[in-house]
Amino acid sequence: MLIRYRKNYEKIAMGLLSFMPTEKDLKRLQQTMKQYETNNDWQLFLWKEGDDIVGIIGVLLRAPDVVEIQHISVNPSHRHQGIGKQMVTALKEVYPGRRLCANEWTASFFDKCHACNE
């Protein structure tokens, strides 16, 4: 289940984001979190399975009809179970009528999901 990020999920969110190659550096990770917390065009969602938060997906609202996936990460012990694809599918429901696309860091995964409708 996709849930919106809240400040009380900060440590979990930072842990999941740190699996992204671009977010290995702590200062960079803190800047990213600040971006999601202070800029309304940056939206962060967590994926909950039962009582556990096992994934994260962050987007940038590029234009009124375009949503760009900036970050996507799944806890390593929950990978290869389709959670990433479920997060992308759920994101389409959050932003109906908008085109989802990826940035350079999320493109290869996004393409595997066959989610780009260009």
C-alpha atoms as a PDB file:
ATOM      1  CA  MET A   1       0.000   0.000   0.000  1.00  0.00           C
ATOM      2  CA  LEU A   2       1.343   3.410  -0.996  1.00  0.00           C
ATOM      3  CA  ILE A   3       1.335   6.004   1.791  1.00  0.00           C
ATOM      4  CA  ARG A   4       2.465   9.632   1.802  1.00  0.00           C
ATOM      5  CA  TYR A   5       5.689  10.477   3.560  1.00  0.00           C
ATOM      6  CA  ARG A   6       5.416  12.124   6.962  1.00  0.00           C
ATOM      7  CA  LYS A   7       8.225  13.509   9.114  1.00  0.00           C
ATOM      8  CA  ASN A   8       7.908  10.655  11.621  1.00  0.00           C
ATOM      9  CA  TYR A   9       9.006   8.272   8.822  1.00  0.00           C
ATOM     10  CA  GLU A  10      12.214  10.243   8.224  1.00  0.00           C
ATOM     11  CA  LYS A  11      14.719   7.606   9.435  1.00  0.00           C
ATOM     12  CA  ILE A  12      13.004   4.825   7.492  1.00  0.00           C
ATOM     13  CA  ALA A  13      12.834   7.012   4.385  1.00  0.00           C
ATOM     14  CA  MET A  14      16.508   7.963   4.656  1.00  0.00           C
ATOM     15  CA  GLY A  15      17.462   4.306   5.078  1.00  0.00           C
ATOM     16  CA  LEU A  16      15.551   3.282   1.958  1.00  0.00           C
ATOM     17  CA  LEU A  17      16.809   6.245  -0.093  1.00  0.00           C
ATOM     18  CA  SER A  18      20.395   5.421   0.896  1.00  0.00           C
ATOM     19  CA  PHE A  19      20.173   2.321  -1.338  1.00  0.00           C
ATOM     20  CA  MET A  20      20.027   4.668  -4.352  1.00  0.00           C
ATOM     21  CA  PRO A  21      23.472   5.186  -5.937  1.00  0.00           C
ATOM     22  CA  THR A  22      23.011   8.969  -5.873  1.00  0.00           C
ATOM     23  CA  GLU A  23      22.160   9.050  -2.168  1.00  0.00           C
ATOM     24  CA  LYS A  24      25.155   7.264  -0.602  1.00  0.00           C
ATOM     25  CA  ASP A  25      26.639  10.491   0.803  1.00  0.00           C
ATOM     26  CA  LEU A  26      24.933  11.618   4.041  1.00  0.00           C
ATOM     27  CA  LYS A  27      24.980  15.330   3.164  1.00  0.00           C
ATOM     28  CA  ARG A  28      23.448  14.597  -0.237  1.00  0.00           C
ATOM     29  CA  LEU A  29      20.818  12.383   1.391  1.00  0.00           C
ATOM     30  CA  GLN A  30      19.937  15.118   3.886  1.00  0.00           C
ATOM     31  CA  GLN A  31      19.587  17.636   1.024  1.00  0.00           C
ATOM     32  CA  THR A  32      17.284  15.239  -0.801  1.00  0.00           C
ATOM     33  CA  MET A  33      15.108  14.775   2.272  1.00  0.00           C
ATOM     34  CA  LYS A  34      14.905  18.550   2.742  1.00  0.00           C
ATOM     35  CA  GLN A  35      13.826  18.902  -0.893  1.00  0.00           C
ATOM     36  CA  TYR A  36      10.963  16.442  -0.347  1.00  0.00           C
ATOM     37  CA  GLU A  37       9.953  18.124   2.911  1.00  0.00           C
ATOM     38  CA  THR A  38      10.005  21.748   1.717  1.00  0.00           C
ATOM     39  CA  ASN A  39       9.137  21.748  -2.006  1.00  0.00           C
ATOM     40  CA  ASN A  40       5.524  20.946  -2.915  1.00  0.00           C
ATOM     41  CA  ASP A  41       6.585  19.769  -6.386  1.00  0.00           C
ATOM     42  CA  TRP A  42       8.638  16.978  -4.789  1.00  0.00           C
ATOM     43  CA  GLN A  43       6.435  14.203  -3.388  1.00  0.00           C
ATOM     44  CA  LEU A  44       7.635  11.167  -1.456  1.00  0.00           C
ATOM     45  CA  PHE A  45       5.685   7.955  -0.857  1.00  0.00           C
ATOM     46  CA  LEU A  46       6.420   4.837   1.162  1.00  0.00           C
ATOM     47  CA  TRP A  47       5.294   1.296   0.395  1.00  0.00           C
ATOM     48  CA  LYS A  48       3.841  -0.621   3.315  1.00  0.00           C
ATOM     49  CA  GLU A  49       3.516  -4.411   3.420  1.00  0.00           C
ATOM     50  CA  GLY A  50       1.634  -5.427   6.568  1.00  0.00           C
ATOM     51  CA  ASP A  51       3.301  -3.494   9.395  1.00  0.00           C
ATOM     52  CA  ASP A  52       6.592  -2.979   7.544  1.00  0.00           C
ATOM     53  CA  ILE A  53       7.670  -0.157   5.264  1.00  0.00           C
ATOM     54  CA  VAL A  54       9.718  -1.883   2.564  1.00  0.00           C
ATOM     55  CA  GLY A  55       9.900   0.587  -0.327  1.00  0.00           C
ATOM     56  CA  ILE A  56      10.052   4.230  -1.256  1.00  0.00           C
ATOM     57  CA  ILE A  57       9.272   6.197  -4.397  1.00  0.00           C
ATOM     58  CA  GLY A  58       9.803   9.912  -4.899  1.00  0.00           C
ATOM     59  CA  VAL A  59       8.553  12.073  -7.731  1.00  0.00           C
ATOM     60  CA  LEU A  60       8.915  15.537  -9.147  1.00  0.00           C
ATOM     61  CA  LEU A  61       5.771  17.151 -10.549  1.00  0.00           C
ATOM     62  CA  ARG A  62       7.423  18.479 -13.731  1.00  0.00           C
ATOM     63  CA  ALA A  63       4.371  19.916 -15.451  1.00  0.00           C
ATOM     64  CA  PRO A  64       0.616  19.762 -14.968  1.00  0.00           C
ATOM     65  CA  ASP A  65       0.570  16.488 -16.892  1.00  0.00           C
ATOM     66  CA  VAL A  66       4.039  15.000 -16.198  1.00  0.00           C
ATOM     67  CA  VAL A  67       5.274  13.179 -13.098  1.00  0.00           C
ATOM     68  CA  GLU A  68       8.971  12.240 -13.107  1.00  0.00           C
ATOM     69  CA  ILE A  69      10.193   9.450 -10.847  1.00  0.00           C
ATOM     70  CA  GLN A  70      13.287  10.733  -9.031  1.00  0.00           C
ATOM     71  CA  HIS A  71      13.908   7.881  -6.599  1.00  0.00           C
ATOM     72  CA  ILE A  72      12.721   4.305  -6.252  1.00  0.00           C
ATOM     73  CA  SER A  73      14.102   1.822  -3.784  1.00  0.00           C
ATOM     74  CA  VAL A  74      13.059  -1.415  -2.122  1.00  0.00           C
ATOM     75  CA  ASN A  75      14.589  -2.958   0.982  1.00  0.00           C
ATOM     76  CA  PRO A  76      17.076  -5.584  -0.300  1.00  0.00           C
ATOM     77  CA  SER A  77      15.373  -8.386   1.641  1.00  0.00           C
ATOM     78  CA  HIS A  78      12.103  -7.627  -0.209  1.00  0.00           C
ATOM     79  CA  ARG A  79      13.457  -7.242  -3.739  1.00  0.00           C
ATOM     80  CA  HIS A  80      12.402  -9.373  -6.714  1.00  0.00           C
ATOM     81  CA  GLN A  81       8.838  -9.626  -5.388  1.00  0.00           C
ATOM     82  CA  GLY A  82       7.278  -7.027  -7.698  1.00  0.00           C
ATOM     83  CA  ILE A  83       7.126  -4.256  -5.078  1.00  0.00           C
ATOM     84  CA  GLY A  84       8.793  -1.680  -7.321  1.00  0.00           C
ATOM     85  CA  LYS A  85       6.317  -2.386 -10.094  1.00  0.00           C
ATOM     86  CA  GLN A  86       3.432  -2.185  -7.597  1.00  0.00           C
ATOM     87  CA  MET A  87       4.687   1.220  -6.449  1.00  0.00           C
ATOM     88  CA  VAL A  88       4.762   2.509 -10.043  1.00  0.00           C
ATOM     89  CA  THR A  89       1.252   1.151 -10.665  1.00  0.00           C
ATOM     90  CA  ALA A  90      -0.044   2.750  -7.441  1.00  0.00           C
ATOM     91  CA  LEU A  91       1.577   6.033  -8.443  1.00  0.00           C
ATOM     92  CA  LYS A  92      -0.492   6.023 -11.637  1.00  0.00           C
ATOM     93  CA  GLU A  93      -3.598   5.894  -9.427  1.00  0.00           C
ATOM     94  CA  VAL A  94      -2.347   8.832  -7.315  1.00  0.00           C
ATOM     95  CA  TYR A  95      -1.777  10.928 -10.453  1.00  0.00           C
ATOM     96  CA  PRO A  96      -4.490   9.846 -12.928  1.00  0.00           C
ATOM     97  CA  GLY A  97      -4.291  11.456 -16.342  1.00  0.00           C
ATOM     98  CA  ARG A  98      -0.630  12.351 -15.897  1.00  0.00           C
ATOM     99  CA  ARG A  99       2.215  10.757 -17.787  1.00  0.00           C
ATOM    100  CA  LEU A 100       4.827   9.007 -15.669  1.00  0.00           C
ATOM    101  CA  CYS A 101       8.435   9.180 -16.779  1.00  0.00           C
ATOM    102  CA  ALA A 102      11.837   8.537 -15.237  1.00  0.00           C
ATOM    103  CA  ASN A 103      15.061  10.423 -14.688  1.00  0.00           C
ATOM    104  CA  GLU A 104      18.483   9.032 -15.622  1.00  0.00           C
ATOM    105  CA  TRP A 105      18.769   7.108 -12.318  1.00  0.00           C
ATOM    106  CA  THR A 106      15.345   5.461 -12.425  1.00  0.00           C
ATOM    107  CA  ALA A 107      15.002   4.930 -16.185  1.00  0.00           C
ATOM    108  CA  SER A 108      16.357   1.374 -16.397  1.00  0.00           C
ATOM    109  CA  PHE A 109      14.006   0.139 -13.684  1.00  0.00           C
ATOM    110  CA  PHE A 110      11.088   2.129 -15.092  1.00  0.00           C
ATOM    111  CA  ASP A 111      11.647   0.621 -18.536  1.00  0.00           C
ATOM    112  CA  LYS A 112      11.547  -2.879 -17.004  1.00  0.00           C
ATOM    113  CA  CYS A 113       8.107  -2.059 -15.614  1.00  0.00           C
ATOM    114  CA  HIS A 114       6.851  -1.264 -19.129  1.00  0.00           C
ATOM    115  CA  ALA A 115       5.194   1.745 -17.529  1.00  0.00           C
ATOM    116  CA  CYS A 116       6.216   4.470 -19.951  1.00  0.00           C
ATOM    117  CA  ASN A 117       3.315   5.253 -22.266  1.00  0.00           C
ATOM    118  CA  GLU A 118       5.114   7.432 -24.782  1.00  0.00           C
END
